[in-house]
Amino acid sequence: MKDDKGKIILSLLAGASAGVIAGLLLAPETGDETRAGLRQSASRFSDDLSKLLKEGLSRLNDLKTGGVSAEHSSDRSAADSLLNDLDSTALGGSSLSEAPAATTESGTAPTPEKQGEV
């Protein structure tokens, strides 16, 4: 059982390579059509890979600098303002869009059981 994983992976790669070669040799298309299709697939794969690489590098640079990209800054500011509004209402303040909280005679907010008594 010594180094069996390496042999298995090598066998899988050899089998896959043999399958690809056999598929290309036995394909119903002519050689020119097959090469054109391979060229087109390779070009598409290259474009997708370069796009992923650029996105990955952009994210890595954002993580390095600790900055946020321009597309996320408006989302972040909206989330921050929402959190600030929630914090102010939780601490007893009220935002401009809400009515003041009802209180009992003792000055505290009513509990759900006693809300009807206010």
N, C-alpha and C. Protein backbone atom coordinates (compact mmCIF):
# COMPACT_ATOMS: atom_id res chain seq x y z
N MET A 1 0.83 -1.19 0.00
CA MET A 1 0.00 0.00 0.00
C MET A 1 0.87 1.25 0.00
N LYS A 2 2.13 1.07 -0.35
CA LYS A 2 3.05 2.20 -0.37
C LYS A 2 2.89 2.97 -1.69
N ASP A 3 2.53 4.23 -1.62
CA ASP A 3 2.40 5.12 -2.78
C ASP A 3 1.38 4.61 -3.80
N ASP A 4 0.29 4.02 -3.33
CA ASP A 4 -0.76 3.55 -4.24
C ASP A 4 -1.57 4.72 -4.81
N LYS A 5 -1.69 5.81 -4.08
CA LYS A 5 -2.47 6.95 -4.55
C LYS A 5 -1.83 7.55 -5.80
N GLY A 6 -0.53 7.65 -5.81
CA GLY A 6 0.17 8.20 -6.98
C GLY A 6 -0.01 7.32 -8.20
N LYS A 7 0.02 6.01 -8.00
CA LYS A 7 -0.16 5.09 -9.12
C LYS A 7 -1.59 5.17 -9.67
N ILE A 8 -2.56 5.33 -8.78
CA ILE A 8 -3.95 5.42 -9.21
C ILE A 8 -4.17 6.69 -10.02
N ILE A 9 -3.66 7.79 -9.54
CA ILE A 9 -3.81 9.07 -10.25
C ILE A 9 -3.13 9.00 -11.61
N LEU A 10 -1.93 8.44 -11.66
CA LEU A 10 -1.21 8.30 -12.92
C LEU A 10 -1.98 7.41 -13.89
N SER A 11 -2.57 6.33 -13.40
CA SER A 11 -3.36 5.44 -14.24
C SER A 11 -4.60 6.15 -14.78
N LEU A 12 -5.26 6.94 -13.95
CA LEU A 12 -6.43 7.69 -14.40
C LEU A 12 -6.07 8.70 -15.48
N LEU A 13 -4.96 9.40 -15.30
CA LEU A 13 -4.52 10.37 -16.30
C LEU A 13 -4.15 9.69 -17.61
N ALA A 14 -3.47 8.55 -17.53
CA ALA A 14 -3.10 7.81 -18.75
C ALA A 14 -4.35 7.32 -19.47
N GLY A 15 -5.33 6.83 -18.73
CA GLY A 15 -6.57 6.36 -19.34
C GLY A 15 -7.35 7.49 -19.98
N ALA A 16 -7.41 8.62 -19.32
CA ALA A 16 -8.12 9.77 -19.88
C ALA A 16 -7.43 10.26 -21.14
N SER A 17 -6.11 10.31 -21.12
CA SER A 17 -5.36 10.73 -22.31
C SER A 17 -5.60 9.78 -23.47
N ALA A 18 -5.57 8.48 -23.20
CA ALA A 18 -5.81 7.49 -24.26
C ALA A 18 -7.23 7.63 -24.81
N GLY A 19 -8.20 7.92 -23.96
CA GLY A 19 -9.57 8.12 -24.42
C GLY A 19 -9.72 9.34 -25.31
N VAL A 20 -9.05 10.42 -24.94
CA VAL A 20 -9.11 11.64 -25.75
C VAL A 20 -8.48 11.39 -27.11
N ILE A 21 -7.33 10.75 -27.13
CA ILE A 21 -6.64 10.48 -28.39
C ILE A 21 -7.49 9.56 -29.28
N ALA A 22 -8.06 8.52 -28.70
CA ALA A 22 -8.91 7.61 -29.48
C ALA A 22 -10.14 8.34 -30.01
N GLY A 23 -10.71 9.21 -29.20
CA GLY A 23 -11.87 9.98 -29.65
C GLY A 23 -11.54 10.90 -30.80
N LEU A 24 -10.37 11.52 -30.76
CA LEU A 24 -9.97 12.40 -31.85
C LEU A 24 -9.68 11.63 -33.13
N LEU A 25 -9.06 10.47 -33.00
CA LEU A 25 -8.72 9.67 -34.18
C LEU A 25 -9.95 9.06 -34.83
N LEU A 26 -10.94 8.72 -34.03
CA LEU A 26 -12.13 8.07 -34.55
C LEU A 26 -13.30 9.03 -34.78
N ALA A 27 -13.05 10.31 -34.67
CA ALA A 27 -14.11 11.31 -34.82
C ALA A 27 -14.60 11.34 -36.27
N PRO A 28 -15.91 11.59 -36.47
CA PRO A 28 -16.44 11.63 -37.83
C PRO A 28 -16.07 12.89 -38.60
N GLU A 29 -15.51 13.88 -37.93
CA GLU A 29 -15.12 15.13 -38.59
C GLU A 29 -13.77 14.96 -39.27
N THR A 30 -13.50 15.84 -40.22
CA THR A 30 -12.19 15.83 -40.85
C THR A 30 -11.18 16.45 -39.89
N GLY A 31 -9.94 16.31 -40.21
CA GLY A 31 -8.88 16.86 -39.37
C GLY A 31 -8.97 18.37 -39.24
N ASP A 32 -9.29 19.04 -40.33
CA ASP A 32 -9.40 20.50 -40.29
C ASP A 32 -10.54 20.94 -39.38
N GLU A 33 -11.68 20.25 -39.48
CA GLU A 33 -12.82 20.60 -38.63
C GLU A 33 -12.52 20.32 -37.16
N THR A 34 -11.84 19.22 -36.90
CA THR A 34 -11.49 18.87 -35.52
C THR A 34 -10.53 19.90 -34.94
N ARG A 35 -9.52 20.29 -35.73
CA ARG A 35 -8.56 21.29 -35.25
C ARG A 35 -9.24 22.64 -35.03
N ALA A 36 -10.17 23.01 -35.91
CA ALA A 36 -10.89 24.28 -35.74
C ALA A 36 -11.74 24.25 -34.47
N GLY A 37 -12.39 23.11 -34.22
CA GLY A 37 -13.18 22.98 -33.00
C GLY A 37 -12.32 23.04 -31.76
N LEU A 38 -11.16 22.37 -31.81
CA LEU A 38 -10.23 22.42 -30.67
C LEU A 38 -9.70 23.83 -30.45
N ARG A 39 -9.39 24.52 -31.54
CA ARG A 39 -8.89 25.89 -31.44
C ARG A 39 -9.95 26.79 -30.79
N GLN A 40 -11.21 26.62 -31.22
CA GLN A 40 -12.30 27.43 -30.67
C GLN A 40 -12.51 27.12 -29.18
N SER A 41 -12.48 25.86 -28.82
CA SER A 41 -12.65 25.47 -27.41
C SER A 41 -11.51 26.00 -26.56
N ALA A 42 -10.28 25.92 -27.10
CA ALA A 42 -9.12 26.42 -26.36
C ALA A 42 -9.21 27.93 -26.18
N SER A 43 -9.69 28.64 -27.21
CA SER A 43 -9.83 30.09 -27.11
C SER A 43 -10.87 30.46 -26.05
N ARG A 44 -12.00 29.75 -26.06
CA ARG A 44 -13.04 30.01 -25.06
C ARG A 44 -12.52 29.73 -23.65
N PHE A 45 -11.82 28.61 -23.50
CA PHE A 45 -11.25 28.25 -22.21
C PHE A 45 -10.24 29.29 -21.75
N SER A 46 -9.43 29.77 -22.67
CA SER A 46 -8.43 30.79 -22.35
C SER A 46 -9.09 32.09 -21.90
N ASP A 47 -10.15 32.49 -22.60
CA ASP A 47 -10.86 33.72 -22.21
C ASP A 47 -11.48 33.59 -20.83
N ASP A 48 -12.12 32.45 -20.56
CA ASP A 48 -12.72 32.23 -19.25
C ASP A 48 -11.67 32.21 -18.15
N LEU A 49 -10.55 31.57 -18.44
CA LEU A 49 -9.48 31.49 -17.45
C LEU A 49 -8.88 32.86 -17.16
N SER A 50 -8.69 33.68 -18.20
CA SER A 50 -8.13 35.01 -17.96
C SER A 50 -9.11 35.88 -17.18
N LYS A 51 -10.41 35.72 -17.44
CA LYS A 51 -11.41 36.49 -16.69
C LYS A 51 -11.38 36.09 -15.21
N LEU A 52 -11.32 34.78 -14.95
CA LEU A 52 -11.25 34.31 -13.56
C LEU A 52 -9.98 34.79 -12.87
N LEU A 53 -8.89 34.79 -13.61
CA LEU A 53 -7.61 35.25 -13.04
C LEU A 53 -7.68 36.72 -12.67
N LYS A 54 -8.26 37.53 -13.56
CA LYS A 54 -8.39 38.97 -13.27
C LYS A 54 -9.27 39.20 -12.05
N GLU A 55 -10.39 38.48 -11.96
CA GLU A 55 -11.27 38.63 -10.80
C GLU A 55 -10.57 38.19 -9.52
N GLY A 56 -9.82 37.10 -9.60
CA GLY A 56 -9.09 36.62 -8.43
C GLY A 56 -8.03 37.60 -7.98
N LEU A 57 -7.30 38.17 -8.93
CA LEU A 57 -6.28 39.17 -8.58
C LEU A 57 -6.92 40.42 -7.99
N SER A 58 -8.07 40.81 -8.51
CA SER A 58 -8.76 41.97 -7.97
C SER A 58 -9.18 41.73 -6.52
N ARG A 59 -9.73 40.54 -6.27
CA ARG A 59 -10.13 40.22 -4.89
C ARG A 59 -8.93 40.14 -3.97
N LEU A 60 -7.85 39.59 -4.47
CA LEU A 60 -6.63 39.49 -3.66
C LEU A 60 -6.10 40.87 -3.32
N ASN A 61 -6.09 41.77 -4.29
CA ASN A 61 -5.63 43.13 -4.03
C ASN A 61 -6.55 43.84 -3.04
N ASP A 62 -7.85 43.60 -3.14
CA ASP A 62 -8.79 44.19 -2.17
C ASP A 62 -8.51 43.67 -0.77
N LEU A 63 -8.20 42.39 -0.65
CA LEU A 63 -7.89 41.82 0.66
C LEU A 63 -6.58 42.37 1.20
N LYS A 64 -5.60 42.53 0.31
CA LYS A 64 -4.30 43.06 0.75
C LYS A 64 -4.41 44.47 1.27
N THR A 65 -5.13 45.32 0.54
CA THR A 65 -5.23 46.72 0.93
C THR A 65 -6.31 46.95 1.96
N GLY A 66 -7.17 45.98 2.15
CA GLY A 66 -8.25 46.15 3.12
C GLY A 66 -9.32 47.07 2.60
N GLY A 67 -9.22 47.46 1.35
CA GLY A 67 -10.19 48.36 0.74
C GLY A 67 -11.36 47.60 0.18
N VAL A 68 -12.32 48.38 -0.24
CA VAL A 68 -13.52 47.81 -0.83
C VAL A 68 -13.61 48.37 -2.24
N SER A 69 -13.99 47.56 -3.19
CA SER A 69 -14.12 48.03 -4.56
C SER A 69 -15.27 49.03 -4.65
N ALA A 70 -15.29 49.81 -5.71
CA ALA A 70 -16.28 50.87 -5.86
C ALA A 70 -17.69 50.32 -5.93
N GLU A 71 -17.86 49.14 -6.50
CA GLU A 71 -19.21 48.57 -6.62
C GLU A 71 -19.78 48.17 -5.28
N HIS A 72 -18.95 47.90 -4.29
CA HIS A 72 -19.43 47.49 -2.99
C HIS A 72 -19.56 48.66 -2.01
N SER A 73 -18.99 49.81 -2.33
CA SER A 73 -19.00 50.91 -1.38
C SER A 73 -20.40 51.44 -1.13
N SER A 74 -21.24 51.52 -2.17
CA SER A 74 -22.60 52.02 -1.95
C SER A 74 -23.41 51.01 -1.14
N ASP A 75 -23.20 49.73 -1.39
CA ASP A 75 -23.88 48.70 -0.60
C ASP A 75 -23.46 48.77 0.85
N ARG A 76 -22.17 48.97 1.07
CA ARG A 76 -21.66 49.03 2.44
C ARG A 76 -22.22 50.25 3.17
N SER A 77 -22.29 51.40 2.48
CA SER A 77 -22.81 52.60 3.15
C SER A 77 -24.30 52.44 3.47
N ALA A 78 -25.06 51.80 2.57
CA ALA A 78 -26.47 51.56 2.84
C ALA A 78 -26.63 50.62 4.03
N ALA A 79 -25.81 49.59 4.10
CA ALA A 79 -25.88 48.66 5.23
C ALA A 79 -25.49 49.35 6.53
N ASP A 80 -24.46 50.21 6.48
CA ASP A 80 -24.04 50.94 7.68
C ASP A 80 -25.15 51.86 8.18
N SER A 81 -25.82 52.56 7.27
CA SER A 81 -26.88 53.46 7.71
C SER A 81 -28.06 52.67 8.29
N LEU A 82 -28.35 51.52 7.71
CA LEU A 82 -29.41 50.67 8.26
C LEU A 82 -29.06 50.18 9.66
N LEU A 83 -27.81 49.76 9.84
CA LEU A 83 -27.38 49.31 11.16
C LEU A 83 -27.42 50.45 12.17
N ASN A 84 -27.03 51.64 11.75
CA ASN A 84 -27.09 52.79 12.66
C ASN A 84 -28.52 53.10 13.06
N ASP A 85 -29.46 53.02 12.09
CA ASP A 85 -30.87 53.24 12.42
C ASP A 85 -31.37 52.19 13.40
N LEU A 86 -30.98 50.93 13.18
CA LEU A 86 -31.40 49.87 14.09
C LEU A 86 -30.82 50.07 15.48
N ASP A 87 -29.55 50.49 15.54
CA ASP A 87 -28.93 50.73 16.85
C ASP A 87 -29.63 51.87 17.58
N SER A 88 -29.97 52.93 16.86
CA SER A 88 -30.61 54.07 17.53
C SER A 88 -32.00 53.71 18.02
N THR A 89 -32.74 52.89 17.27
CA THR A 89 -34.07 52.49 17.73
C THR A 89 -33.97 51.49 18.87
N ALA A 90 -32.95 50.65 18.87
CA ALA A 90 -32.78 49.69 19.95
C ALA A 90 -32.39 50.37 21.25
N LEU A 91 -31.71 51.50 21.15
CA LEU A 91 -31.29 52.22 22.35
C LEU A 91 -32.34 53.20 22.85
N GLY A 92 -33.51 53.18 22.25
CA GLY A 92 -34.58 54.04 22.76
C GLY A 92 -34.82 55.25 21.90
N GLY A 93 -33.94 55.55 20.96
CA GLY A 93 -34.16 56.66 20.05
C GLY A 93 -35.12 56.24 18.98
N SER A 94 -35.57 57.18 18.19
CA SER A 94 -36.46 56.83 17.08
C SER A 94 -35.94 57.48 15.82
N SER A 95 -36.15 56.81 14.72
CA SER A 95 -35.74 57.38 13.46
C SER A 95 -36.83 58.29 12.95
N LEU A 96 -36.56 59.01 11.88
CA LEU A 96 -37.52 59.97 11.35
C LEU A 96 -38.76 59.29 10.78
N SER A 97 -38.64 58.06 10.33
CA SER A 97 -39.76 57.39 9.69
C SER A 97 -40.65 56.66 10.67
N GLU A 98 -40.30 56.60 11.94
CA GLU A 98 -41.07 55.85 12.91
C GLU A 98 -41.70 56.79 13.95
N ALA A 99 -42.81 56.37 14.48
CA ALA A 99 -43.46 57.12 15.55
C ALA A 99 -42.74 56.80 16.86
N PRO A 100 -42.82 57.69 17.85
CA PRO A 100 -42.17 57.42 19.13
C PRO A 100 -42.76 56.17 19.78
N ALA A 101 -41.95 55.46 20.52
CA ALA A 101 -42.40 54.24 21.18
C ALA A 101 -43.33 54.58 22.34
N ALA A 102 -44.35 53.77 22.52
CA ALA A 102 -45.29 53.98 23.62
C ALA A 102 -44.62 53.53 24.91
N THR A 103 -44.93 54.24 26.00
CA THR A 103 -44.36 53.87 27.30
C THR A 103 -45.48 53.80 28.31
N THR A 104 -45.20 53.09 29.40
CA THR A 104 -46.17 53.00 30.49
C THR A 104 -45.95 54.19 31.42
N GLU A 105 -46.74 54.25 32.49
CA GLU A 105 -46.59 55.36 33.43
C GLU A 105 -45.21 55.40 34.06
N SER A 106 -44.56 54.22 34.20
CA SER A 106 -43.25 54.18 34.85
C SER A 106 -42.13 54.62 33.91
N GLY A 107 -42.47 54.87 32.61
CA GLY A 107 -41.47 55.33 31.68
C GLY A 107 -40.78 54.22 30.91
N THR A 108 -41.23 52.99 31.10
CA THR A 108 -40.63 51.88 30.37
C THR A 108 -41.55 51.44 29.25
N ALA A 109 -40.99 50.75 28.29
CA ALA A 109 -41.80 50.24 27.17
C ALA A 109 -42.67 49.11 27.68
N PRO A 110 -43.91 49.01 27.20
CA PRO A 110 -44.81 47.95 27.69
C PRO A 110 -44.36 46.60 27.19
N THR A 111 -44.62 45.58 28.00
CA THR A 111 -44.35 44.22 27.59
C THR A 111 -45.46 43.76 26.68
N PRO A 112 -45.28 42.71 25.89
CA PRO A 112 -46.34 42.27 24.98
C PRO A 112 -47.64 41.95 25.69
N GLU A 113 -47.58 41.46 26.95
CA GLU A 113 -48.81 41.14 27.66
C GLU A 113 -49.57 42.39 28.07
N LYS A 114 -48.84 43.47 28.37
CA LYS A 114 -49.46 44.66 28.91
C LYS A 114 -49.65 45.75 27.85
N GLN A 115 -49.38 45.45 26.59
CA GLN A 115 -49.49 46.47 25.55
C GLN A 115 -50.93 46.96 25.40
N GLY A 116 -51.90 46.11 25.60
CA GLY A 116 -53.30 46.51 25.48
C GLY A 116 -53.75 47.46 26.59
N GLU A 117 -53.02 47.51 27.70
CA GLU A 117 -53.39 48.33 28.83
C GLU A 117 -52.95 49.78 28.69
N VAL A 118 -52.10 50.10 27.78
CA VAL A 118 -51.55 51.45 27.65
C VAL A 118 -52.55 52.43 27.19
